[in-house]
């Protein structure tokens, strides 16, 4: 049983998305598998593009996993505060 509190479709995986991209003629540039609403790696960010006609497409090397996604996200929010204009409120949860 998965810990899918985010309600994501459980029939989609990083591998399936990569295969779907290849079948559709899209270049998958990178994937980052992260925890989302649980400690389990249940979500994936994917960056892809449609290559120009005749363009050579680099083979996809596989996804990376990032169990520290939320810690890194909070750290980036703290760093952002140092570069923020005082008149622009920033909400970090």
PDB file of N, CA and C in Angstrom:
ATOM      1  N   UNK A   1       0.845  -1.182   0.000  1.00  0.00           N
ATOM      2  CA  UNK A   1       0.000   0.000   0.000  1.00  0.00           C
ATOM      3  C   UNK A   1       0.883   1.236   0.000  1.00  0.00           C
ATOM      4  N   UNK A   2       0.595   2.172  -0.879  1.00  0.00           N
ATOM      5  CA  UNK A   2       1.413   3.374  -0.970  1.00  0.00           C
ATOM      6  C   UNK A   2       0.886   4.472  -0.048  1.00  0.00           C
ATOM      7  N   UNK A   3       1.750   5.387   0.279  1.00  0.00           N
ATOM      8  CA  UNK A   3       1.390   6.543   1.107  1.00  0.00           C
ATOM      9  C   UNK A   3       1.143   7.713   0.156  1.00  0.00           C
ATOM     10  N   UNK A   4       0.025   7.692  -0.555  1.00  0.00           N
ATOM     11  CA  UNK A   4      -0.265   8.655  -1.617  1.00  0.00           C
ATOM     12  C   UNK A   4      -1.263   9.699  -1.132  1.00  0.00           C
ATOM     13  N   UNK A   5      -0.852  10.507  -0.153  1.00  0.00           N
ATOM     14  CA  UNK A   5      -1.745  11.527   0.388  1.00  0.00           C
ATOM     15  C   UNK A   5      -2.000  12.652  -0.603  1.00  0.00           C
ATOM     16  N   UNK A   6      -1.116  12.813  -1.584  1.00  0.00           N
ATOM     17  CA  UNK A   6      -1.279  13.882  -2.571  1.00  0.00           C
ATOM     18  C   UNK A   6      -2.332  13.530  -3.622  1.00  0.00           C
ATOM     19  N   UNK A   7      -2.725  12.264  -3.681  1.00  0.00           N
ATOM     20  CA  UNK A   7      -3.764  11.852  -4.624  1.00  0.00           C
ATOM     21  C   UNK A   7      -3.287  11.750  -6.066  1.00  0.00           C
ATOM     22  N   UNK A   8      -2.004  11.492  -6.277  1.00  0.00           N
ATOM     23  CA  UNK A   8      -1.490  11.352  -7.633  1.00  0.00           C
ATOM     24  C   UNK A   8      -1.986  10.064  -8.263  1.00  0.00           C
ATOM     25  N   UNK A   9      -2.087  10.054  -9.568  1.00  0.00           N
ATOM     26  CA  UNK A   9      -2.432   8.843 -10.284  1.00  0.00           C
ATOM     27  C   UNK A   9      -1.332   7.811 -10.094  1.00  0.00           C
ATOM     28  N   UNK A  10      -1.663   6.665  -9.598  1.00  0.00           N
ATOM     29  CA  UNK A  10      -0.656   5.661  -9.280  1.00  0.00           C
ATOM     30  C   UNK A  10      -0.232   4.829 -10.479  1.00  0.00           C
ATOM     31  N   UNK A  11      -0.852   5.053 -11.634  1.00  0.00           N
ATOM     32  CA  UNK A  11      -0.464   4.290 -12.818  1.00  0.00           C
ATOM     33  C   UNK A  11       0.622   5.000 -13.630  1.00  0.00           C
ATOM     34  N   UNK A  12       1.028   6.208 -13.240  1.00  0.00           N
ATOM     35  CA  UNK A  12       2.096   6.917 -13.937  1.00  0.00           C
ATOM     36  C   UNK A  12       3.380   6.795 -13.138  1.00  0.00           C
ATOM     37  N   UNK A  13       4.471   6.506 -13.833  1.00  0.00           N
ATOM     38  CA  UNK A  13       5.790   6.416 -13.222  1.00  0.00           C
ATOM     39  C   UNK A  13       6.765   7.244 -14.051  1.00  0.00           C
ATOM     40  N   UNK A  14       7.942   7.499 -13.491  1.00  0.00           N
ATOM     41  CA  UNK A  14       8.983   8.211 -14.237  1.00  0.00           C
ATOM     42  C   UNK A  14       9.359   7.424 -15.495  1.00  0.00           C
ATOM     43  N   UNK A  15       9.477   6.102 -15.364  1.00  0.00           N
ATOM     44  CA  UNK A  15       9.828   5.269 -16.519  1.00  0.00           C
ATOM     45  C   UNK A  15       8.755   5.308 -17.595  1.00  0.00           C
ATOM     46  N   UNK A  16       7.494   5.256 -17.189  1.00  0.00           N
ATOM     47  CA  UNK A  16       6.398   5.309 -18.166  1.00  0.00           C
ATOM     48  C   UNK A  16       6.383   6.661 -18.872  1.00  0.00           C
ATOM     49  N   UNK A  17       6.604   7.748 -18.124  1.00  0.00           N
ATOM     50  CA  UNK A  17       6.633   9.065 -18.747  1.00  0.00           C
ATOM     51  C   UNK A  17       7.787   9.169 -19.742  1.00  0.00           C
ATOM     52  N   UNK A  18       8.942   8.611 -19.393  1.00  0.00           N
ATOM     53  CA  UNK A  18      10.091   8.616 -20.298  1.00  0.00           C
ATOM     54  C   UNK A  18       9.753   7.861 -21.588  1.00  0.00           C
ATOM     55  N   UNK A  19       9.094   6.718 -21.445  1.00  0.00           N
ATOM     56  CA  UNK A  19       8.691   5.938 -22.624  1.00  0.00           C
ATOM     57  C   UNK A  19       7.666   6.695 -23.459  1.00  0.00           C
ATOM     58  N   UNK A  20       6.718   7.367 -22.799  1.00  0.00           N
ATOM     59  CA  UNK A  20       5.713   8.163 -23.515  1.00  0.00           C
ATOM     60  C   UNK A  20       6.369   9.293 -24.297  1.00  0.00           C
ATOM     61  N   UNK A  21       7.380   9.945 -23.694  1.00  0.00           N
ATOM     62  CA  UNK A  21       8.104  11.012 -24.395  1.00  0.00           C
ATOM     63  C   UNK A  21       8.780  10.465 -25.641  1.00  0.00           C
ATOM     64  N   UNK A  22       9.473   9.339 -25.487  1.00  0.00           N
ATOM     65  CA  UNK A  22      10.174   8.735 -26.625  1.00  0.00           C
ATOM     66  C   UNK A  22       9.198   8.383 -27.738  1.00  0.00           C
ATOM     67  N   UNK A  23       8.059   7.824 -27.365  1.00  0.00           N
ATOM     68  CA  UNK A  23       7.060   7.438 -28.366  1.00  0.00           C
ATOM     69  C   UNK A  23       6.480   8.652 -29.080  1.00  0.00           C
ATOM     70  N   UNK A  24       6.383   9.772 -28.388  1.00  0.00           N
ATOM     71  CA  UNK A  24       5.818  10.992 -28.976  1.00  0.00           C
ATOM     72  C   UNK A  24       6.866  11.834 -29.697  1.00  0.00           C
ATOM     73  N   UNK A  25       8.121  11.370 -29.723  1.00  0.00           N
ATOM     74  CA  UNK A  25       9.174  12.113 -30.396  1.00  0.00           C
ATOM     75  C   UNK A  25       9.696  13.303 -29.590  1.00  0.00           C
ATOM     76  N   UNK A  26       9.511  13.254 -28.286  1.00  0.00           N
ATOM     77  CA  UNK A  26       9.985  14.331 -27.412  1.00  0.00           C
ATOM     78  C   UNK A  26      11.324  13.944 -26.788  1.00  0.00           C
ATOM     79  N   UNK A  27      12.151  14.937 -26.535  1.00  0.00           N
ATOM     80  CA  UNK A  27      13.426  14.695 -25.861  1.00  0.00           C
ATOM     81  C   UNK A  27      13.238  14.924 -24.375  1.00  0.00           C
ATOM     82  N   UNK A  28      13.484  13.903 -23.589  1.00  0.00           N
ATOM     83  CA  UNK A  28      13.430  14.018 -22.139  1.00  0.00           C
ATOM     84  C   UNK A  28      14.806  14.472 -21.677  1.00  0.00           C
ATOM     85  N   UNK A  29      14.858  15.662 -21.086  1.00  0.00           N
ATOM     86  CA  UNK A  29      16.133  16.255 -20.697  1.00  0.00           C
ATOM     87  C   UNK A  29      16.552  15.790 -19.310  1.00  0.00           C
ATOM     88  N   UNK A  30      15.633  15.842 -18.351  1.00  0.00           N
ATOM     89  CA  UNK A  30      15.956  15.375 -17.002  1.00  0.00           C
ATOM     90  C   UNK A  30      14.676  15.045 -16.239  1.00  0.00           C
ATOM     91  N   UNK A  31      14.840  14.214 -15.231  1.00  0.00           N
ATOM     92  CA  UNK A  31      13.766  13.879 -14.299  1.00  0.00           C
ATOM     93  C   UNK A  31      14.348  13.877 -12.897  1.00  0.00           C
ATOM     94  N   UNK A  32      13.578  14.416 -11.958  1.00  0.00           N
ATOM     95  CA  UNK A  32      13.968  14.409 -10.551  1.00  0.00           C
ATOM     96  C   UNK A  32      12.818  13.798  -9.761  1.00  0.00           C
ATOM     97  N   UNK A  33      13.080  12.664  -9.135  1.00  0.00           N
ATOM     98  CA  UNK A  33      12.060  11.967  -8.350  1.00  0.00           C
ATOM     99  C   UNK A  33      12.186  12.434  -6.900  1.00  0.00           C
ATOM    100  N   UNK A  34      11.058  12.908  -6.335  1.00  0.00           N
ATOM    101  CA  UNK A  34      11.069  13.551  -5.018  1.00  0.00           C
ATOM    102  C   UNK A  34       9.943  13.009  -4.140  1.00  0.00           C
ATOM    103  N   UNK A  35      10.081  13.184  -2.811  1.00  0.00           N
ATOM    104  CA  UNK A  35       8.965  12.871  -1.915  1.00  0.00           C
ATOM    105  C   UNK A  35       7.938  13.993  -1.991  1.00  0.00           C
ATOM    106  N   UNK A  36       6.684  13.657  -1.891  1.00  0.00           N
ATOM    107  CA  UNK A  36       5.636  14.679  -1.958  1.00  0.00           C
ATOM    108  C   UNK A  36       4.512  14.274  -1.006  1.00  0.00           C
ATOM    109  N   UNK A  37       4.470  14.912   0.130  1.00  0.00           N
ATOM    110  CA  UNK A  37       3.426  14.598   1.099  1.00  0.00           C
ATOM    111  C   UNK A  37       3.672  13.313   1.873  1.00  0.00           C
ATOM    112  N   UNK A  38       4.847  12.735   1.695  1.00  0.00           N
ATOM    113  CA  UNK A  38       5.212  11.519   2.413  1.00  0.00           C
ATOM    114  C   UNK A  38       6.721  11.364   2.302  1.00  0.00           C
ATOM    115  N   UNK A  39       7.305  10.464   3.079  1.00  0.00           N
ATOM    116  CA  UNK A  39       8.746  10.232   2.931  1.00  0.00           C
ATOM    117  C   UNK A  39       9.087   9.408   1.684  1.00  0.00           C
ATOM    118  N   UNK A  40       8.075   8.856   1.040  1.00  0.00           N
ATOM    119  CA  UNK A  40       8.295   8.024  -0.144  1.00  0.00           C
ATOM    120  C   UNK A  40       8.542   8.889  -1.375  1.00  0.00           C
ATOM    121  N   UNK A  41       9.367   8.378  -2.282  1.00  0.00           N
ATOM    122  CA  UNK A  41       9.631   9.058  -3.551  1.00  0.00           C
ATOM    123  C   UNK A  41       8.462   8.773  -4.494  1.00  0.00           C
ATOM    124  N   UNK A  42       7.433   9.634  -4.443  1.00  0.00           N
ATOM    125  CA  UNK A  42       6.202   9.344  -5.191  1.00  0.00           C
ATOM    126  C   UNK A  42       5.904  10.350  -6.293  1.00  0.00           C
ATOM    127  N   UNK A  43       6.752  11.361  -6.454  1.00  0.00           N
ATOM    128  CA  UNK A  43       6.471  12.363  -7.480  1.00  0.00           C
ATOM    129  C   UNK A  43       7.724  12.606  -8.306  1.00  0.00           C
ATOM    130  N   UNK A  44       7.523  13.162  -9.486  1.00  0.00           N
ATOM    131  CA  UNK A  44       8.645  13.350 -10.397  1.00  0.00           C
ATOM    132  C   UNK A  44       8.454  14.628 -11.196  1.00  0.00           C
ATOM    133  N   UNK A  45       9.490  15.450 -11.218  1.00  0.00           N
ATOM    134  CA  UNK A  45       9.524  16.602 -12.112  1.00  0.00           C
ATOM    135  C   UNK A  45      10.239  16.159 -13.376  1.00  0.00           C
ATOM    136  N   UNK A  46       9.668  16.468 -14.521  1.00  0.00           N
ATOM    137  CA  UNK A  46      10.284  16.084 -15.793  1.00  0.00           C
ATOM    138  C   UNK A  46      10.408  17.319 -16.676  1.00  0.00           C
ATOM    139  N   UNK A  47      11.563  17.475 -17.289  1.00  0.00           N
ATOM    140  CA  UNK A  47      11.807  18.559 -18.230  1.00  0.00           C
ATOM    141  C   UNK A  47      12.008  17.919 -19.594  1.00  0.00           C
ATOM    142  N   UNK A  48      11.195  18.334 -20.557  1.00  0.00           N
ATOM    143  CA  UNK A  48      11.271  17.748 -21.885  1.00  0.00           C
ATOM    144  C   UNK A  48      11.034  18.829 -22.925  1.00  0.00           C
ATOM    145  N   UNK A  49      11.344  18.502 -24.185  1.00  0.00           N
ATOM    146  CA  UNK A  49      11.136  19.456 -25.271  1.00  0.00           C
ATOM    147  C   UNK A  49      10.887  18.702 -26.568  1.00  0.00           C
ATOM    148  N   UNK A  50      10.365  19.427 -27.533  1.00  0.00           N
ATOM    149  CA  UNK A  50      10.201  18.872 -28.873  1.00  0.00           C
ATOM    150  C   UNK A  50      11.402  19.329 -29.695  1.00  0.00           C
ATOM    151  N   UNK A  51      12.249  18.406 -30.138  1.00  0.00           N
ATOM    152  CA  UNK A  51      13.418  18.801 -30.925  1.00  0.00           C
ATOM    153  C   UNK A  51      13.019  19.308 -32.311  1.00  0.00           C
ATOM    154  N   UNK A  52      13.872  20.147 -32.875  1.00  0.00           N
ATOM    155  CA  UNK A  52      13.646  20.639 -34.236  1.00  0.00           C
ATOM    156  C   UNK A  52      13.837  19.487 -35.222  1.00  0.00           C
ATOM    157  N   UNK A  53      13.210  19.577 -36.375  1.00  0.00           N
ATOM    158  CA  UNK A  53      13.312  18.535 -37.395  1.00  0.00           C
ATOM    159  C   UNK A  53      14.777  18.297 -37.757  1.00  0.00           C
ATOM    160  N   UNK A  54      15.204  17.059 -37.747  1.00  0.00           N
ATOM    161  CA  UNK A  54      16.556  16.682 -38.115  1.00  0.00           C
ATOM    162  C   UNK A  54      17.594  16.873 -37.019  1.00  0.00           C
ATOM    163  N   UNK A  55      17.191  17.426 -35.895  1.00  0.00           N
ATOM    164  CA  UNK A  55      18.125  17.661 -34.789  1.00  0.00           C
ATOM    165  C   UNK A  55      18.481  16.343 -34.100  1.00  0.00           C
ATOM    166  N   UNK A  56      19.728  16.193 -33.751  1.00  0.00           N
ATOM    167  CA  UNK A  56      20.173  14.996 -33.027  1.00  0.00           C
ATOM    168  C   UNK A  56      19.758  15.137 -31.566  1.00  0.00           C
ATOM    169  N   UNK A  57      19.112  14.090 -31.053  1.00  0.00           N
ATOM    170  CA  UNK A  57      18.610  14.103 -29.679  1.00  0.00           C
ATOM    171  C   UNK A  57      19.547  13.285 -28.803  1.00  0.00           C
ATOM    172  N   UNK A  58      19.947  13.864 -27.668  1.00  0.00           N
ATOM    173  CA  UNK A  58      20.804  13.152 -26.723  1.00  0.00           C
ATOM    174  C   UNK A  58      19.986  12.079 -26.007  1.00  0.00           C
ATOM    175  N   UNK A  59      20.557  10.903 -25.801  1.00  0.00           N
ATOM    176  CA  UNK A  59      19.815   9.858 -25.072  1.00  0.00           C
ATOM    177  C   UNK A  59      19.627  10.250 -23.607  1.00  0.00           C
ATOM    178  N   UNK A  60      18.487   9.903 -23.066  1.00  0.00           N
ATOM    179  CA  UNK A  60      18.185  10.193 -21.663  1.00  0.00           C
ATOM    180  C   UNK A  60      18.973   9.231 -20.786  1.00  0.00           C
ATOM    181  N   UNK A  61      19.644   9.786 -19.761  1.00  0.00           N
ATOM    182  CA  UNK A  61      20.518   8.970 -18.916  1.00  0.00           C
ATOM    183  C   UNK A  61      19.826   8.413 -17.676  1.00  0.00           C
ATOM    184  N   UNK A  62      18.572   8.729 -17.487  1.00  0.00           N
ATOM    185  CA  UNK A  62      17.843   8.202 -16.338  1.00  0.00           C
ATOM    186  C   UNK A  62      17.583   9.273 -15.294  1.00  0.00           C
ATOM    187  N   UNK A  63      16.604   9.029 -14.430  1.00  0.00           N
ATOM    188  CA  UNK A  63      16.227  10.016 -13.423  1.00  0.00           C
ATOM    189  C   UNK A  63      17.214  10.082 -12.265  1.00  0.00           C
ATOM    190  N   UNK A  64      17.165  11.206 -11.556  1.00  0.00           N
ATOM    191  CA  UNK A  64      17.892  11.335 -10.289  1.00  0.00           C
ATOM    192  C   UNK A  64      16.858  11.342  -9.176  1.00  0.00           C
ATOM    193  N   UNK A  65      17.231  10.863  -8.012  1.00  0.00           N
ATOM    194  CA  UNK A  65      16.337  10.906  -6.861  1.00  0.00           C
ATOM    195  C   UNK A  65      16.841  11.961  -5.882  1.00  0.00           C
ATOM    196  N   UNK A  66      15.904  12.622  -5.239  1.00  0.00           N
ATOM    197  CA  UNK A  66      16.257  13.682  -4.299  1.00  0.00           C
ATOM    198  C   UNK A  66      15.362  13.573  -3.067  1.00  0.00           C
ATOM    199  N   UNK A  67      15.821  12.830  -2.084  1.00  0.00           N
ATOM    200  CA  UNK A  67      15.064  12.684  -0.832  1.00  0.00           C
ATOM    201  C   UNK A  67      15.081  13.962  -0.003  1.00  0.00           C
ATOM    202  N   UNK A  68      15.991  14.881  -0.287  1.00  0.00           N
ATOM    203  CA  UNK A  68      16.120  16.118   0.478  1.00  0.00           C
ATOM    204  C   UNK A  68      15.440  17.303  -0.222  1.00  0.00           C
ATOM    205  N   UNK A  69      14.508  17.034  -1.114  1.00  0.00           N
ATOM    206  CA  UNK A  69      13.853  18.085  -1.889  1.00  0.00           C
ATOM    207  C   UNK A  69      13.278  19.191  -1.011  1.00  0.00           C
ATOM    208  N   UNK A  70      12.548  18.833   0.025  1.00  0.00           N
ATOM    209  CA  UNK A  70      11.903  19.854   0.859  1.00  0.00           C
ATOM    210  C   UNK A  70      12.920  20.650   1.667  1.00  0.00           C
ATOM    211  N   UNK A  71      13.951  19.997   2.173  1.00  0.00           N
ATOM    212  CA  UNK A  71      14.994  20.720   2.896  1.00  0.00           C
ATOM    213  C   UNK A  71      15.683  21.726   1.974  1.00  0.00           C
ATOM    214  N   UNK A  72      15.984  21.300   0.742  1.00  0.00           N
ATOM    215  CA  UNK A  72      16.615  22.188  -0.224  1.00  0.00           C
ATOM    216  C   UNK A  72      15.690  23.339  -0.610  1.00  0.00           C
ATOM    217  N   UNK A  73      14.415  23.042  -0.746  1.00  0.00           N
ATOM    218  CA  UNK A  73      13.431  24.081  -1.086  1.00  0.00           C
ATOM    219  C   UNK A  73      13.362  25.149   0.005  1.00  0.00           C
ATOM    220  N   UNK A  74      13.309  24.721   1.256  1.00  0.00           N
ATOM    221  CA  UNK A  74      13.277  25.687   2.372  1.00  0.00           C
ATOM    222  C   UNK A  74      14.571  26.498   2.435  1.00  0.00           C
ATOM    223  N   UNK A  75      15.696  25.856   2.191  1.00  0.00           N
ATOM    224  CA  UNK A  75      16.980  26.567   2.209  1.00  0.00           C
ATOM    225  C   UNK A  75      17.023  27.629   1.111  1.00  0.00           C
ATOM    226  N   UNK A  76      16.518  27.298  -0.064  1.00  0.00           N
ATOM    227  CA  UNK A  76      16.478  28.283  -1.155  1.00  0.00           C
ATOM    228  C   UNK A  76      15.579  29.458  -0.794  1.00  0.00           C
ATOM    229  N   UNK A  77      14.492  29.200  -0.091  1.00  0.00           N
ATOM    230  CA  UNK A  77      13.614  30.275   0.359  1.00  0.00           C
ATOM    231  C   UNK A  77      14.316  31.223   1.310  1.00  0.00           C
ATOM    232  N   UNK A  78      15.119  30.655   2.193  1.00  0.00           N
ATOM    233  CA  UNK A  78      15.878  31.509   3.128  1.00  0.00           C
ATOM    234  C   UNK A  78      16.910  32.344   2.374  1.00  0.00           C
ATOM    235  N   UNK A  79      17.571  31.760   1.400  1.00  0.00           N
ATOM    236  CA  UNK A  79      18.556  32.496   0.604  1.00  0.00           C
ATOM    237  C   UNK A  79      17.868  33.601  -0.196  1.00  0.00           C
ATOM    238  N   UNK A  80      16.703  33.303  -0.740  1.00  0.00           N
ATOM    239  CA  UNK A  80      15.960  34.284  -1.526  1.00  0.00           C
ATOM    240  C   UNK A  80      15.646  35.541  -0.721  1.00  0.00           C
ATOM    241  N   UNK A  81      15.396  35.380   0.545  1.00  0.00           N
ATOM    242  CA  UNK A  81      15.086  36.532   1.395  1.00  0.00           C
ATOM    243  C   UNK A  81      16.205  37.576   1.368  1.00  0.00           C
ATOM    244  N   UNK A  82      17.437  37.138   1.253  1.00  0.00           N
ATOM    245  CA  UNK A  82      18.568  38.067   1.238  1.00  0.00           C
ATOM    246  C   UNK A  82      18.592  38.929  -0.023  1.00  0.00           C
ATOM    247  N   UNK A  83      17.942  38.472  -1.089  1.00  0.00           N
ATOM    248  CA  UNK A  83      17.967  39.177  -2.366  1.00  0.00           C
ATOM    249  C   UNK A  83      16.632  39.831  -2.703  1.00  0.00           C
ATOM    250  N   UNK A  84      15.724  39.829  -1.774  1.00  0.00           N
ATOM    251  CA  UNK A  84      14.370  40.330  -2.001  1.00  0.00           C
ATOM    252  C   UNK A  84      14.304  41.834  -1.739  1.00  0.00           C
ATOM    253  N   UNK A  85      13.516  42.528  -2.567  1.00  0.00           N
ATOM    254  CA  UNK A  85      13.244  43.945  -2.315  1.00  0.00           C
ATOM    255  C   UNK A  85      12.313  44.060  -1.123  1.00  0.00           C
ATOM    256  N   UNK A  86      12.554  44.985  -0.233  1.00  0.00           N
ATOM    257  CA  UNK A  86      11.718  45.120   0.988  1.00  0.00           C
ATOM    258  C   UNK A  86      10.231  45.364   0.685  1.00  0.00           C
ATOM    259  N   UNK A  87       9.919  45.977  -0.462  1.00  0.00           N
ATOM    260  CA  UNK A  87       8.519  46.302  -0.761  1.00  0.00           C
ATOM    261  C   UNK A  87       7.752  45.100  -1.296  1.00  0.00           C
ATOM    262  N   UNK A  88       8.413  43.999  -1.576  1.00  0.00           N
ATOM    263  CA  UNK A  88       7.743  42.819  -2.110  1.00  0.00           C
ATOM    264  C   UNK A  88       7.665  41.736  -1.038  1.00  0.00           C
ATOM    265  N   UNK A  89       6.473  41.500  -0.498  1.00  0.00           N
ATOM    266  CA  UNK A  89       6.364  40.465   0.536  1.00  0.00           C
ATOM    267  C   UNK A  89       6.630  39.066  -0.035  1.00  0.00           C
ATOM    268  N   UNK A  90       7.281  38.251   0.750  1.00  0.00           N
ATOM    269  CA  UNK A  90       7.567  36.875   0.370  1.00  0.00           C
ATOM    270  C   UNK A  90       6.993  35.971   1.444  1.00  0.00           C
ATOM    271  N   UNK A  91       6.206  35.008   1.019  1.00  0.00           N
ATOM    272  CA  UNK A  91       5.617  34.074   1.960  1.00  0.00           C
ATOM    273  C   UNK A  91       6.320  32.736   1.797  1.00  0.00           C
ATOM    274  N   UNK A  92       6.946  32.283   2.864  1.00  0.00           N
ATOM    275  CA  UNK A  92       7.594  30.965   2.876  1.00  0.00           C
ATOM    276  C   UNK A  92       6.987  30.184   4.017  1.00  0.00           C
ATOM    277  N   UNK A  93       6.480  29.027   3.702  1.00  0.00           N
ATOM    278  CA  UNK A  93       5.829  28.203   4.731  1.00  0.00           C
ATOM    279  C   UNK A  93       6.759  27.187   5.282  1.00  0.00           C
TER     280      UNK A  93
END
